[in-house]
């Protein structure tokens, strides 16, 4: 495996983990309703008790992502940085 393919894998991993972290950040900002809502519907459904299960799922998703994905993000960033030093 050459340096160029390692850089591609690290870059792809960095992008994927960054997208997951971004989705988790938006889920945190919207209290768990980001995935299934457009922004204008979020304000309407924010305090509706019918969406409590969705909020719970969104918050569990956010906690899972923030707990397990940052080490992979940091690892891919370090690998990418090291490939440019060689």
N, C-alpha and C. Protein backbone atom coordinates (compact mmCIF):
# COMPACT_ATOMS: atom_id res chain seq x y z
N UNK A 1 0.86 -1.17 0.00
CA UNK A 1 0.00 0.00 0.00
C UNK A 1 0.91 1.24 0.00
N UNK A 2 0.72 2.11 -0.93
CA UNK A 2 1.56 3.29 -1.02
C UNK A 2 0.96 4.47 -0.24
N UNK A 3 1.74 5.52 -0.14
CA UNK A 3 1.35 6.71 0.63
C UNK A 3 0.09 7.36 0.07
N UNK A 4 -0.04 7.38 -1.25
CA UNK A 4 -1.20 8.03 -1.87
C UNK A 4 -2.50 7.35 -1.46
N UNK A 5 -2.54 6.03 -1.41
CA UNK A 5 -3.77 5.34 -1.02
C UNK A 5 -4.06 5.52 0.46
N UNK A 6 -3.02 5.60 1.29
CA UNK A 6 -3.23 5.87 2.71
C UNK A 6 -3.81 7.26 2.90
N UNK A 7 -3.32 8.23 2.13
CA UNK A 7 -3.86 9.59 2.20
C UNK A 7 -5.33 9.61 1.80
N UNK A 8 -5.68 8.87 0.76
CA UNK A 8 -7.08 8.83 0.33
C UNK A 8 -7.98 8.22 1.39
N UNK A 9 -7.53 7.13 2.02
CA UNK A 9 -8.32 6.50 3.08
C UNK A 9 -8.47 7.44 4.26
N UNK A 10 -7.38 8.10 4.65
CA UNK A 10 -7.43 9.03 5.78
C UNK A 10 -8.34 10.22 5.47
N UNK A 11 -8.27 10.72 4.26
CA UNK A 11 -9.11 11.86 3.88
C UNK A 11 -10.58 11.46 3.85
N UNK A 12 -10.89 10.28 3.31
CA UNK A 12 -12.28 9.80 3.29
C UNK A 12 -12.79 9.57 4.71
N UNK A 13 -11.98 9.00 5.56
CA UNK A 13 -12.37 8.79 6.95
C UNK A 13 -12.59 10.10 7.68
N UNK A 14 -11.76 11.07 7.40
CA UNK A 14 -11.90 12.39 8.01
C UNK A 14 -13.20 13.05 7.59
N UNK A 15 -13.54 12.95 6.33
CA UNK A 15 -14.79 13.55 5.84
C UNK A 15 -16.00 12.84 6.43
N UNK A 16 -15.99 11.52 6.46
CA UNK A 16 -17.14 10.76 7.00
C UNK A 16 -17.35 11.06 8.48
N UNK A 17 -16.27 11.05 9.26
CA UNK A 17 -16.43 11.33 10.69
C UNK A 17 -16.82 12.79 10.92
N UNK A 18 -16.33 13.70 10.11
CA UNK A 18 -16.72 15.10 10.25
C UNK A 18 -18.21 15.29 9.96
N UNK A 19 -18.73 14.59 8.96
CA UNK A 19 -20.16 14.67 8.66
C UNK A 19 -21.00 14.11 9.80
N UNK A 20 -20.57 12.99 10.38
CA UNK A 20 -21.30 12.43 11.52
C UNK A 20 -21.28 13.39 12.70
N UNK A 21 -20.14 14.01 12.95
CA UNK A 21 -20.06 14.98 14.06
C UNK A 21 -20.93 16.21 13.79
N UNK A 22 -21.00 16.63 12.54
CA UNK A 22 -21.85 17.76 12.18
C UNK A 22 -23.33 17.43 12.38
N UNK A 23 -23.73 16.25 11.97
CA UNK A 23 -25.12 15.83 12.17
C UNK A 23 -25.43 15.74 13.66
N UNK A 24 -24.50 15.22 14.45
CA UNK A 24 -24.71 15.14 15.89
C UNK A 24 -24.79 16.53 16.52
N UNK A 25 -24.00 17.46 16.01
CA UNK A 25 -24.07 18.84 16.52
C UNK A 25 -25.43 19.46 16.24
N UNK A 26 -25.93 19.29 15.02
CA UNK A 26 -27.26 19.82 14.70
C UNK A 26 -28.35 19.13 15.52
N UNK A 27 -28.17 17.85 15.78
CA UNK A 27 -29.14 17.13 16.61
C UNK A 27 -29.12 17.68 18.03
N UNK A 28 -27.94 18.03 18.52
CA UNK A 28 -27.85 18.62 19.86
C UNK A 28 -28.53 20.00 19.89
N UNK A 29 -28.31 20.79 18.86
CA UNK A 29 -28.90 22.13 18.83
C UNK A 29 -30.42 22.09 18.73
N UNK A 30 -30.97 21.06 18.11
CA UNK A 30 -32.42 20.97 17.93
C UNK A 30 -33.08 20.02 18.92
N UNK A 31 -32.33 19.58 19.92
CA UNK A 31 -32.85 18.71 20.98
C UNK A 31 -33.38 17.38 20.42
N UNK A 32 -32.71 16.82 19.44
CA UNK A 32 -33.05 15.50 18.94
C UNK A 32 -33.98 15.46 17.75
N UNK A 33 -34.45 16.56 17.24
CA UNK A 33 -35.41 16.55 16.15
C UNK A 33 -34.82 16.91 14.79
N UNK A 34 -33.53 16.94 14.66
CA UNK A 34 -32.93 17.42 13.41
C UNK A 34 -33.13 16.47 12.24
N UNK A 35 -33.00 15.19 12.47
CA UNK A 35 -32.95 14.24 11.35
C UNK A 35 -34.25 14.20 10.57
N UNK A 36 -35.38 14.30 11.24
CA UNK A 36 -36.67 14.14 10.57
C UNK A 36 -37.41 15.45 10.36
N UNK A 37 -36.76 16.56 10.52
CA UNK A 37 -37.44 17.86 10.44
C UNK A 37 -36.73 18.80 9.50
N UNK A 38 -37.53 19.57 8.80
CA UNK A 38 -37.00 20.74 8.11
C UNK A 38 -36.93 21.86 9.15
N UNK A 39 -36.09 22.86 8.95
CA UNK A 39 -35.95 23.90 9.97
C UNK A 39 -37.25 24.62 10.33
N UNK A 40 -38.11 24.86 9.37
CA UNK A 40 -39.35 25.56 9.69
C UNK A 40 -40.34 24.66 10.44
N UNK A 41 -40.24 23.34 10.27
CA UNK A 41 -41.10 22.42 11.01
C UNK A 41 -40.59 22.18 12.42
N UNK A 42 -39.29 22.37 12.62
CA UNK A 42 -38.71 22.14 13.94
C UNK A 42 -39.33 23.05 14.99
N UNK A 43 -39.49 24.32 14.66
CA UNK A 43 -40.06 25.26 15.62
C UNK A 43 -41.49 24.90 15.99
N UNK A 44 -42.22 24.36 15.04
CA UNK A 44 -43.60 23.97 15.28
C UNK A 44 -43.68 22.71 16.16
N UNK A 45 -42.78 21.77 15.95
CA UNK A 45 -42.83 20.48 16.63
C UNK A 45 -41.96 20.39 17.87
N UNK A 46 -41.29 21.46 18.23
CA UNK A 46 -40.32 21.42 19.32
C UNK A 46 -40.96 21.03 20.66
N UNK A 47 -42.11 21.54 20.97
CA UNK A 47 -42.75 21.27 22.26
C UNK A 47 -43.93 20.32 22.16
N UNK A 48 -44.10 19.67 21.04
CA UNK A 48 -45.21 18.75 20.85
C UNK A 48 -44.89 17.41 21.54
N UNK A 49 -45.74 16.95 22.46
CA UNK A 49 -45.44 15.71 23.18
C UNK A 49 -45.51 14.46 22.30
N UNK A 50 -46.08 14.56 21.11
CA UNK A 50 -46.14 13.40 20.22
C UNK A 50 -44.76 12.99 19.72
N UNK A 51 -43.78 13.85 19.82
CA UNK A 51 -42.46 13.58 19.27
C UNK A 51 -41.42 13.27 20.35
N UNK A 52 -41.87 12.84 21.52
CA UNK A 52 -40.93 12.53 22.61
C UNK A 52 -40.04 11.34 22.26
N UNK A 53 -40.60 10.30 21.61
CA UNK A 53 -39.77 9.15 21.22
C UNK A 53 -38.70 9.56 20.23
N UNK A 54 -39.05 10.43 19.32
CA UNK A 54 -38.09 10.91 18.33
C UNK A 54 -36.99 11.73 19.01
N UNK A 55 -37.36 12.54 19.99
CA UNK A 55 -36.37 13.31 20.73
C UNK A 55 -35.42 12.38 21.49
N UNK A 56 -35.98 11.35 22.12
CA UNK A 56 -35.15 10.41 22.86
C UNK A 56 -34.17 9.69 21.93
N UNK A 57 -34.67 9.25 20.78
CA UNK A 57 -33.79 8.58 19.83
C UNK A 57 -32.70 9.53 19.32
N UNK A 58 -33.08 10.76 18.99
CA UNK A 58 -32.10 11.74 18.52
C UNK A 58 -31.04 12.04 19.56
N UNK A 59 -31.44 12.14 20.81
CA UNK A 59 -30.47 12.41 21.87
C UNK A 59 -29.56 11.22 22.11
N UNK A 60 -30.09 10.00 22.01
CA UNK A 60 -29.23 8.81 22.14
C UNK A 60 -28.25 8.72 20.98
N UNK A 61 -28.71 9.04 19.79
CA UNK A 61 -27.84 9.06 18.62
C UNK A 61 -26.71 10.07 18.83
N UNK A 62 -27.05 11.25 19.30
CA UNK A 62 -26.07 12.31 19.53
C UNK A 62 -25.03 11.87 20.56
N UNK A 63 -25.47 11.28 21.66
CA UNK A 63 -24.54 10.83 22.70
C UNK A 63 -23.62 9.75 22.16
N UNK A 64 -24.16 8.81 21.39
CA UNK A 64 -23.35 7.74 20.81
C UNK A 64 -22.28 8.32 19.88
N UNK A 65 -22.67 9.23 19.01
CA UNK A 65 -21.72 9.82 18.06
C UNK A 65 -20.64 10.61 18.80
N UNK A 66 -21.02 11.45 19.75
CA UNK A 66 -20.03 12.24 20.47
C UNK A 66 -19.12 11.40 21.35
N UNK A 67 -19.56 10.19 21.70
CA UNK A 67 -18.75 9.33 22.55
C UNK A 67 -17.73 8.53 21.74
N UNK A 68 -18.11 8.01 20.58
CA UNK A 68 -17.26 7.08 19.86
C UNK A 68 -16.59 7.62 18.60
N UNK A 69 -17.09 8.65 17.99
CA UNK A 69 -16.55 9.11 16.71
C UNK A 69 -15.33 10.05 16.85
N UNK A 70 -15.25 10.94 17.85
CA UNK A 70 -14.08 11.84 17.91
C UNK A 70 -12.72 11.16 17.92
N UNK A 71 -12.53 10.00 18.60
CA UNK A 71 -11.20 9.37 18.49
C UNK A 71 -10.85 8.95 17.05
N UNK A 72 -11.85 8.49 16.30
CA UNK A 72 -11.60 8.14 14.90
C UNK A 72 -11.25 9.38 14.09
N UNK A 73 -11.95 10.49 14.34
CA UNK A 73 -11.67 11.75 13.65
C UNK A 73 -10.24 12.19 13.91
N UNK A 74 -9.85 12.16 15.17
CA UNK A 74 -8.49 12.56 15.54
C UNK A 74 -7.46 11.60 14.94
N UNK A 75 -7.77 10.32 14.95
CA UNK A 75 -6.86 9.33 14.36
C UNK A 75 -6.66 9.55 12.87
N UNK A 76 -7.76 9.77 12.14
CA UNK A 76 -7.64 10.04 10.70
C UNK A 76 -6.87 11.33 10.44
N UNK A 77 -7.08 12.34 11.28
CA UNK A 77 -6.34 13.60 11.11
C UNK A 77 -4.85 13.39 11.34
N UNK A 78 -4.49 12.59 12.34
CA UNK A 78 -3.08 12.32 12.60
C UNK A 78 -2.46 11.52 11.46
N UNK A 79 -3.18 10.52 10.99
CA UNK A 79 -2.66 9.72 9.86
C UNK A 79 -2.45 10.60 8.64
N UNK A 80 -3.40 11.46 8.34
CA UNK A 80 -3.26 12.36 7.20
C UNK A 80 -2.08 13.30 7.37
N UNK A 81 -1.91 13.84 8.57
CA UNK A 81 -0.79 14.73 8.85
C UNK A 81 0.54 13.99 8.69
N UNK A 82 0.61 12.77 9.20
CA UNK A 82 1.86 12.00 9.11
C UNK A 82 2.21 11.62 7.67
N UNK A 83 1.21 11.38 6.85
CA UNK A 83 1.52 11.03 5.46
C UNK A 83 2.11 12.21 4.70
N UNK A 84 1.79 13.43 5.11
CA UNK A 84 2.37 14.59 4.44
C UNK A 84 3.80 14.87 4.94
N UNK A 85 4.16 14.33 6.09
CA UNK A 85 5.53 14.51 6.60
C UNK A 85 6.51 13.57 5.93
N UNK A 86 6.02 12.44 5.42
CA UNK A 86 6.92 11.44 4.80
C UNK A 86 7.29 11.83 3.41
